[in-house]
C-alpha atoms as a PDB file:
ATOM      1  CA  MET A   1     -31.668  -2.079  -1.336  1.00  0.00           C
ATOM      2  CA  LYS A   2     -29.016  -0.175  -3.243  1.00  0.00           C
ATOM      3  CA  GLU A   3     -27.375  -2.116  -6.032  1.00  0.00           C
ATOM      4  CA  GLU A   4     -23.706  -3.000  -5.744  1.00  0.00           C
ATOM      5  CA  PRO A   5     -21.557   0.016  -6.764  1.00  0.00           C
ATOM      6  CA  ASN A   6     -19.792   0.193 -10.099  1.00  0.00           C
ATOM      7  CA  MET A   7     -16.177  -0.424  -9.116  1.00  0.00           C
ATOM      8  CA  ASN A   8     -14.949   1.038 -12.396  1.00  0.00           C
ATOM      9  CA  LYS A   9     -15.969   4.533 -11.349  1.00  0.00           C
ATOM     10  CA  ILE A  10     -13.160   6.879 -10.383  1.00  0.00           C
ATOM     11  CA  TYR A  11     -14.707   9.165  -7.782  1.00  0.00           C
ATOM     12  CA  PRO A  12     -16.519   7.628  -4.764  1.00  0.00           C
ATOM     13  CA  ARG A  13     -18.172  10.958  -3.932  1.00  0.00           C
ATOM     14  CA  SER A  14     -19.932  12.988  -6.599  1.00  0.00           C
ATOM     15  CA  HIS A  15     -18.551  16.398  -5.581  1.00  0.00           C
ATOM     16  CA  ASP A  16     -15.060  15.316  -4.472  1.00  0.00           C
ATOM     17  CA  LYS A  17     -12.350  15.256  -7.139  1.00  0.00           C
ATOM     18  CA  GLU A  18      -9.556  14.878  -4.580  1.00  0.00           C
ATOM     19  CA  THR A  19     -10.460  11.296  -3.710  1.00  0.00           C
ATOM     20  CA  VAL A  20     -10.370   8.343  -6.116  1.00  0.00           C
ATOM     21  CA  TYR A  21     -10.985   4.641  -6.070  1.00  0.00           C
ATOM     22  CA  LEU A  22      -7.386   3.734  -6.746  1.00  0.00           C
ATOM     23  CA  LYS A  23      -8.123   0.597  -8.741  1.00  0.00           C
ATOM     24  CA  SER A  24      -9.880   2.687 -11.393  1.00  0.00           C
ATOM     25  CA  VAL A  25      -6.894   4.944 -12.152  1.00  0.00           C
ATOM     26  CA  ILE A  26      -4.081   2.381 -12.240  1.00  0.00           C
ATOM     27  CA  THR A  27      -2.692   1.355 -15.629  1.00  0.00           C
ATOM     28  CA  ASN A  28       0.587  -0.316 -14.590  1.00  0.00           C
ATOM     29  CA  PRO A  29       0.119  -4.121 -14.588  1.00  0.00           C
ATOM     30  CA  HIS A  30       2.652  -4.385 -11.755  1.00  0.00           C
ATOM     31  CA  ILE A  31       0.376  -2.378  -9.438  1.00  0.00           C
ATOM     32  CA  ILE A  32      -2.571  -4.413  -8.140  1.00  0.00           C
ATOM     33  CA  VAL A  33      -5.255  -2.727  -6.035  1.00  0.00           C
ATOM     34  CA  GLY A  34      -8.362  -4.177  -4.409  1.00  0.00           C
ATOM     35  CA  ASP A  35     -11.929  -2.870  -4.497  1.00  0.00           C
ATOM     36  CA  TYR A  36     -12.933   0.227  -2.494  1.00  0.00           C
ATOM     37  CA  THR A  37      -9.349   1.214  -1.682  1.00  0.00           C
ATOM     38  CA  MET A  38      -9.195   4.979  -1.916  1.00  0.00           C
ATOM     39  CA  TYR A  39      -6.513   7.642  -2.235  1.00  0.00           C
ATOM     40  CA  ASN A  40      -6.939  11.306  -1.304  1.00  0.00           C
ATOM     41  CA  ASP A  41      -4.665  14.065  -2.599  1.00  0.00           C
ATOM     42  CA  PHE A  42      -5.277  17.783  -2.040  1.00  0.00           C
ATOM     43  CA  ASN A  43      -1.965  18.849  -3.633  1.00  0.00           C
ATOM     44  CA  SER A  44      -1.917  16.912  -6.910  1.00  0.00           C
ATOM     45  CA  ASP A  45      -4.291  14.996  -9.144  1.00  0.00           C
ATOM     46  CA  PRO A  46      -5.036  11.761  -7.232  1.00  0.00           C
ATOM     47  CA  ALA A  47      -5.447   9.986 -10.563  1.00  0.00           C
ATOM     48  CA  SER A  48      -1.668  10.412 -11.061  1.00  0.00           C
ATOM     49  CA  PHE A  49      -0.938   8.139  -8.087  1.00  0.00           C
ATOM     50  CA  GLU A  50       1.231   5.655  -9.973  1.00  0.00           C
ATOM     51  CA  LYS A  51       3.432   8.486 -11.277  1.00  0.00           C
ATOM     52  CA  ASN A  52       3.649  10.658  -8.161  1.00  0.00           C
ATOM     53  CA  ASN A  53       3.480   8.109  -5.340  1.00  0.00           C
ATOM     54  CA  VAL A  54       5.025   4.879  -6.643  1.00  0.00           C
ATOM     55  CA  LEU A  55       8.698   5.735  -7.032  1.00  0.00           C
ATOM     56  CA  TYR A  56      11.685   3.962  -8.642  1.00  0.00           C
ATOM     57  CA  HIS A  57       9.301   1.261  -9.839  1.00  0.00           C
ATOM     58  CA  TYR A  58      11.034   0.194 -13.034  1.00  0.00           C
ATOM     59  CA  PRO A  59       9.840  -2.768 -15.157  1.00  0.00           C
ATOM     60  CA  VAL A  60      13.338  -4.295 -15.218  1.00  0.00           C
ATOM     61  CA  ASN A  61      12.885  -5.480 -11.611  1.00  0.00           C
ATOM     62  CA  LYS A  62       9.463  -7.058 -12.141  1.00  0.00           C
ATOM     63  CA  ASP A  63       8.530  -6.216  -8.554  1.00  0.00           C
ATOM     64  CA  LYS A  64       4.950  -5.400  -7.636  1.00  0.00           C
ATOM     65  CA  LEU A  65       2.916  -3.078  -5.467  1.00  0.00           C
ATOM     66  CA  ILE A  66      -0.024  -5.060  -4.136  1.00  0.00           C
ATOM     67  CA  ILE A  67      -2.697  -3.239  -2.115  1.00  0.00           C
ATOM     68  CA  GLY A  68      -5.736  -4.979  -0.652  1.00  0.00           C
ATOM     69  CA  LYS A  69      -9.366  -3.939  -0.359  1.00  0.00           C
ATOM     70  CA  PHE A  70     -10.844  -1.107   1.716  1.00  0.00           C
ATOM     71  CA  CYS A  71      -7.504   0.630   2.305  1.00  0.00           C
ATOM     72  CA  SER A  72      -7.347   4.364   3.040  1.00  0.00           C
ATOM     73  CA  ILE A  73      -4.260   6.114   1.690  1.00  0.00           C
ATOM     74  CA  ALA A  74      -3.664   9.711   2.714  1.00  0.00           C
ATOM     75  CA  CYS A  75      -2.188  12.515   0.649  1.00  0.00           C
ATOM     76  CA  GLY A  76       1.493  12.219  -0.190  1.00  0.00           C
ATOM     77  CA  ALA A  77       2.044   8.621   0.878  1.00  0.00           C
ATOM     78  CA  LYS A  78       4.971   7.154  -1.044  1.00  0.00           C
ATOM     79  CA  PHE A  79       5.973   3.626  -2.019  1.00  0.00           C
ATOM     80  CA  ILE A  80       9.707   3.454  -2.771  1.00  0.00           C
ATOM     81  CA  PHE A  81      10.970   0.484  -4.737  1.00  0.00           C
ATOM     82  CA  THR A  82      14.222  -1.391  -5.123  1.00  0.00           C
ATOM     83  CA  SER A  83      15.782   0.822  -7.787  1.00  0.00           C
ATOM     84  CA  ALA A  84      16.121   3.585  -5.204  1.00  0.00           C
ATOM     85  CA  ASN A  85      18.651   1.373  -3.410  1.00  0.00           C
ATOM     86  CA  HIS A  86      22.385   1.117  -3.995  1.00  0.00           C
ATOM     87  CA  SER A  87      24.236  -2.141  -3.541  1.00  0.00           C
ATOM     88  CA  LEU A  88      25.735  -2.724  -0.099  1.00  0.00           C
ATOM     89  CA  HIS A  89      27.695  -5.749  -1.351  1.00  0.00           C
ATOM     90  CA  SER A  90      29.995  -3.650  -3.518  1.00  0.00           C
ATOM     91  CA  LEU A  91      33.059  -1.834  -2.215  1.00  0.00           C
ATOM     92  CA  SER A  92      31.417   1.330  -3.532  1.00  0.00           C
ATOM     93  CA  SER A  93      27.844   2.558  -3.258  1.00  0.00           C
ATOM     94  CA  TYR A  94      28.163   4.146  -6.697  1.00  0.00           C
ATOM     95  CA  PRO A  95      25.790   2.406  -9.189  1.00  0.00           C
ATOM     96  CA  PHE A  96      28.329   1.494 -11.885  1.00  0.00           C
ATOM     97  CA  PRO A  97      26.002  -1.029 -13.648  1.00  0.00           C
ATOM     98  CA  LEU A  98      23.459   1.758 -14.151  1.00  0.00           C
ATOM     99  CA  PHE A  99      26.012   3.614 -16.292  1.00  0.00           C
ATOM    100  CA  PHE A 100      27.133   0.542 -18.232  1.00  0.00           C
ATOM    101  CA  GLU A 101      27.876   2.538 -21.397  1.00  0.00           C
ATOM    102  CA  GLU A 102      30.351   4.738 -19.562  1.00  0.00           C
ATOM    103  CA  TRP A 103      32.221   1.798 -18.015  1.00  0.00           C
ATOM    104  CA  GLY A 104      31.974  -0.824 -20.745  1.00  0.00           C
ATOM    105  CA  LEU A 105      29.736  -3.131 -18.704  1.00  0.00           C
ATOM    106  CA  ASP A 106      26.999  -5.466 -19.895  1.00  0.00           C
ATOM    107  CA  GLY A 107      23.666  -3.628 -19.955  1.00  0.00           C
ATOM    108  CA  LYS A 108      21.918  -6.854 -18.965  1.00  0.00           C
ATOM    109  CA  ASP A 109      23.467  -6.574 -15.503  1.00  0.00           C
ATOM    110  CA  ILE A 110      21.883  -3.218 -14.676  1.00  0.00           C
ATOM    111  CA  THR A 111      19.967  -4.611 -11.685  1.00  0.00           C
ATOM    112  CA  GLN A 112      23.280  -5.340  -9.942  1.00  0.00           C
ATOM    113  CA  ALA A 113      23.383  -1.616  -9.166  1.00  0.00           C
ATOM    114  CA  TRP A 114      20.962  -2.149  -6.300  1.00  0.00           C
ATOM    115  CA  ASP A 115      19.907  -4.754  -3.748  1.00  0.00           C
ATOM    116  CA  ASN A 116      16.523  -6.219  -4.704  1.00  0.00           C
ATOM    117  CA  LYS A 117      14.153  -6.100  -1.733  1.00  0.00           C
ATOM    118  CA  GLY A 118      11.067  -7.460  -3.531  1.00  0.00           C
ATOM    119  CA  ASP A 119       7.378  -6.586  -3.645  1.00  0.00           C
ATOM    120  CA  ILE A 120       5.533  -4.154  -1.397  1.00  0.00           C
ATOM    121  CA  VAL A 121       2.397  -5.869  -0.126  1.00  0.00           C
ATOM    122  CA  ILE A 122      -0.338  -3.975   1.723  1.00  0.00           C
ATOM    123  CA  GLY A 123      -3.125  -5.992   3.331  1.00  0.00           C
ATOM    124  CA  ASN A 124      -6.812  -5.169   3.529  1.00  0.00           C
ATOM    125  CA  ASP A 125      -8.385  -2.381   5.601  1.00  0.00           C
ATOM    126  CA  VAL A 126      -5.007  -0.655   6.077  1.00  0.00           C
ATOM    127  CA  TRP A 127      -4.858   3.072   6.825  1.00  0.00           C
ATOM    128  CA  ILE A 128      -1.689   4.789   5.582  1.00  0.00           C
ATOM    129  CA  GLY A 129      -1.247   8.276   7.023  1.00  0.00           C
ATOM    130  CA  TYR A 130      -0.195  11.580   5.484  1.00  0.00           C
ATOM    131  CA  GLU A 131       3.188  11.460   3.725  1.00  0.00           C
ATOM    132  CA  ALA A 132       4.075   8.050   5.127  1.00  0.00           C
ATOM    133  CA  VAL A 133       6.820   6.200   3.243  1.00  0.00           C
ATOM    134  CA  ILE A 134       6.750   2.437   2.633  1.00  0.00           C
ATOM    135  CA  LEU A 135      10.034   0.911   1.487  1.00  0.00           C
ATOM    136  CA  SER A 136      10.563  -1.984  -0.915  1.00  0.00           C
ATOM    137  CA  GLY A 137      10.079  -5.492   0.418  1.00  0.00           C
ATOM    138  CA  VAL A 138       7.765  -4.411   3.239  1.00  0.00           C
ATOM    139  CA  HIS A 139       4.578  -6.376   3.971  1.00  0.00           C
ATOM    140  CA  ILE A 140       1.844  -4.663   5.990  1.00  0.00           C
ATOM    141  CA  GLY A 141      -0.791  -6.865   7.592  1.00  0.00           C
ATOM    142  CA  ASP A 142      -4.572  -6.503   7.446  1.00  0.00           C
ATOM    143  CA  GLY A 143      -6.044  -3.759   9.603  1.00  0.00           C
ATOM    144  CA  ALA A 144      -2.726  -2.036  10.338  1.00  0.00           C
ATOM    145  CA  ILE A 145      -2.386   1.743  10.716  1.00  0.00           C
ATOM    146  CA  ILE A 146       0.692   3.641   9.502  1.00  0.00           C
ATOM    147  CA  GLY A 147       1.194   6.990  11.237  1.00  0.00           C
ATOM    148  CA  THR A 148       1.752  10.359   9.599  1.00  0.00           C
ATOM    149  CA  ARG A 149       5.217  10.671   8.001  1.00  0.00           C
ATOM    150  CA  ALA A 150       6.267   7.270   9.293  1.00  0.00           C
ATOM    151  CA  VAL A 151       9.054   5.538   7.368  1.00  0.00           C
ATOM    152  CA  VAL A 152       8.247   1.840   7.261  1.00  0.00           C
ATOM    153  CA  THR A 153      11.383  -0.248   6.802  1.00  0.00           C
ATOM    154  CA  ARG A 154      10.143  -3.612   8.093  1.00  0.00           C
ATOM    155  CA  ASP A 155       6.985  -5.727   8.088  1.00  0.00           C
ATOM    156  CA  VAL A 156       3.985  -4.608  10.149  1.00  0.00           C
ATOM    157  CA  PRO A 157       1.795  -7.282  11.795  1.00  0.00           C
ATOM    158  CA  PRO A 158      -1.996  -7.220  11.340  1.00  0.00           C
ATOM    159  CA  TYR A 159      -3.966  -4.677  13.373  1.00  0.00           C
ATOM    160  CA  THR A 160      -0.825  -2.933  14.601  1.00  0.00           C
ATOM    161  CA  ILE A 161      -0.340   0.846  14.805  1.00  0.00           C
ATOM    162  CA  VAL A 162       3.157   2.052  13.908  1.00  0.00           C
ATOM    163  CA  GLY A 163       4.764   5.474  13.693  1.00  0.00           C
ATOM    164  CA  GLY A 164       8.079   7.281  13.624  1.00  0.00           C
ATOM    165  CA  VAL A 165      11.347   7.138  11.691  1.00  0.00           C
ATOM    166  CA  PRO A 166      11.980   4.295  11.348  1.00  0.00           C
ATOM    167  CA  ALA A 167       8.452   3.137  12.165  1.00  0.00           C
ATOM    168  CA  ARG A 168       8.029   1.303  15.463  1.00  0.00           C
ATOM    169  CA  GLU A 169       5.037  -0.384  17.034  1.00  0.00           C
ATOM    170  CA  ILE A 170       2.922   1.982  19.110  1.00  0.00           C
ATOM    171  CA  ARG A 171       0.245  -0.472  20.128  1.00  0.00           C
ATOM    172  CA  LYS A 172      -2.149  -3.162  18.915  1.00  0.00           C
ATOM    173  CA  ARG A 173      -5.583  -2.040  17.830  1.00  0.00           C
ATOM    174  CA  PHE A 174      -7.357  -4.944  19.529  1.00  0.00           C
ATOM    175  CA  ASP A 175      -6.633  -7.855  21.833  1.00  0.00           C
ATOM    176  CA  GLU A 176      -5.304 -11.092  20.326  1.00  0.00           C
ATOM    177  CA  GLN A 177      -8.692 -12.823  20.409  1.00  0.00           C
ATOM    178  CA  THR A 178     -10.395 -10.016  18.501  1.00  0.00           C
ATOM    179  CA  VAL A 179      -7.594  -9.875  15.929  1.00  0.00           C
ATOM    180  CA  ALA A 180      -7.849 -13.642  15.394  1.00  0.00           C
ATOM    181  CA  LYS A 181     -11.600 -13.368  14.834  1.00  0.00           C
ATOM    182  CA  LEU A 182     -11.225 -10.486  12.383  1.00  0.00           C
ATOM    183  CA  LEU A 183      -8.632 -12.393  10.381  1.00  0.00           C
ATOM    184  CA  GLU A 184     -10.944 -15.387  10.342  1.00  0.00           C
ATOM    185  CA  PHE A 185     -14.021 -13.383   9.307  1.00  0.00           C
ATOM    186  CA  ARG A 186     -12.202 -11.473   6.527  1.00  0.00           C
ATOM    187  CA  TRP A 187     -15.231  -9.203   6.229  1.00  0.00           C
ATOM    188  CA  TRP A 188     -13.593  -7.334   3.323  1.00  0.00           C
ATOM    189  CA  ASP A 189     -14.161 -10.410   1.155  1.00  0.00           C
ATOM    190  CA  TRP A 190     -17.896 -10.472   1.871  1.00  0.00           C
ATOM    191  CA  SER A 191     -20.424  -9.437  -0.736  1.00  0.00           C
ATOM    192  CA  TYR A 192     -21.636  -5.837  -0.862  1.00  0.00           C
ATOM    193  CA  ALA A 193     -24.994  -6.926   0.531  1.00  0.00           C
ATOM    194  CA  LYS A 194     -23.448  -8.776   3.487  1.00  0.00           C
ATOM    195  CA  ILE A 195     -21.112  -5.899   4.345  1.00  0.00           C
ATOM    196  CA  LYS A 196     -24.000  -3.457   4.169  1.00  0.00           C
ATOM    197  CA  ALA A 197     -26.073  -5.685   6.479  1.00  0.00           C
ATOM    198  CA  ASN A 198     -23.188  -5.723   8.975  1.00  0.00           C
ATOM    199  CA  LEU A 199     -22.199  -2.053   8.751  1.00  0.00           C
ATOM    200  CA  SER A 200     -23.678  -1.149  12.110  1.00  0.00           C
ATOM    201  CA  ALA A 201     -21.620  -3.819  13.870  1.00  0.00           C
ATOM    202  CA  ILE A 202     -18.474  -2.977  11.883  1.00  0.00           C
ATOM    203  CA  MET A 203     -18.651   0.747  12.550  1.00  0.00           C
ATOM    204  CA  SER A 204     -19.535   0.383  16.232  1.00  0.00           C
ATOM    205  CA  GLY A 205     -16.815  -2.185  16.934  1.00  0.00           C
ATOM    206  CA  GLN A 206     -19.187  -4.982  17.929  1.00  0.00           C
ATOM    207  CA  ILE A 207     -17.425  -8.061  16.602  1.00  0.00           C
ATOM    208  CA  ASP A 208     -19.832 -10.375  18.417  1.00  0.00           C
ATOM    209  CA  LYS A 209     -22.629  -9.132  16.146  1.00  0.00           C
ATOM    210  CA  LEU A 210     -20.855  -9.864  12.865  1.00  0.00           C
ATOM    211  CA  GLY A 211     -22.329 -12.626  10.773  1.00  0.00           C
END
C-alpha cells in the first residue's frame, strides 16, 4: 500500500505547475488551510494565492480565512475581507479614519472606517468555481458547491449548490438523510489508509458502503 503523502509538497501532480496544495504555499498566520485542499490557476502563479486571491486582508482586523480539507478552488476565486467595506453607520461612506493624518484623527481608530464582518470560514470538501467571490463574514458548509462567478454574500448550508449575483440556492446535492450521514461520517477526517479503502464507495456515491 502506498505510504501517506507528504503534505508539505507543493504540487500534487508531478507535471502540473498550475495546481498546488494550498496549505504548502501559505505563509500568513491568519490563513488556515486543511490537508489536500488544492488551488488551480492558469493565469497566475498559484503559489501567490494569498497575494492575488485574498484581498483587503489587513492584520489590523485580526480576521481569518479558514479553509477545510479536500476543498477544490478554481482559478480566480477571490476572498474579500472587511477592509474592502465602508461604514454604513456614518453619514458619509468616505473612510475618514483611514486618512487620519489628513483629518487630525487618532490612528488607533482606523478600523472605524469599515464595518467588521468577521472571518471567512470554508468547510471541508467544498468546490469553489471559477472567479467566484466570497465576502467577509461568510461561512460555507461542508460539501457545498459555489458556482462560477457567484458572489456569496451570506452563509451557505452544507451540501448546497449556489450560484448567481448575489448567490442563491440552486438545489441540495443530496437528500436530508444522506447529508446527515455525511456530516456524521466526516470522511475527510479519516486516515489516508481508511479514505483509500473507501475510495470506491466515495467516488461512486454509495454512502451505504462507507465504513
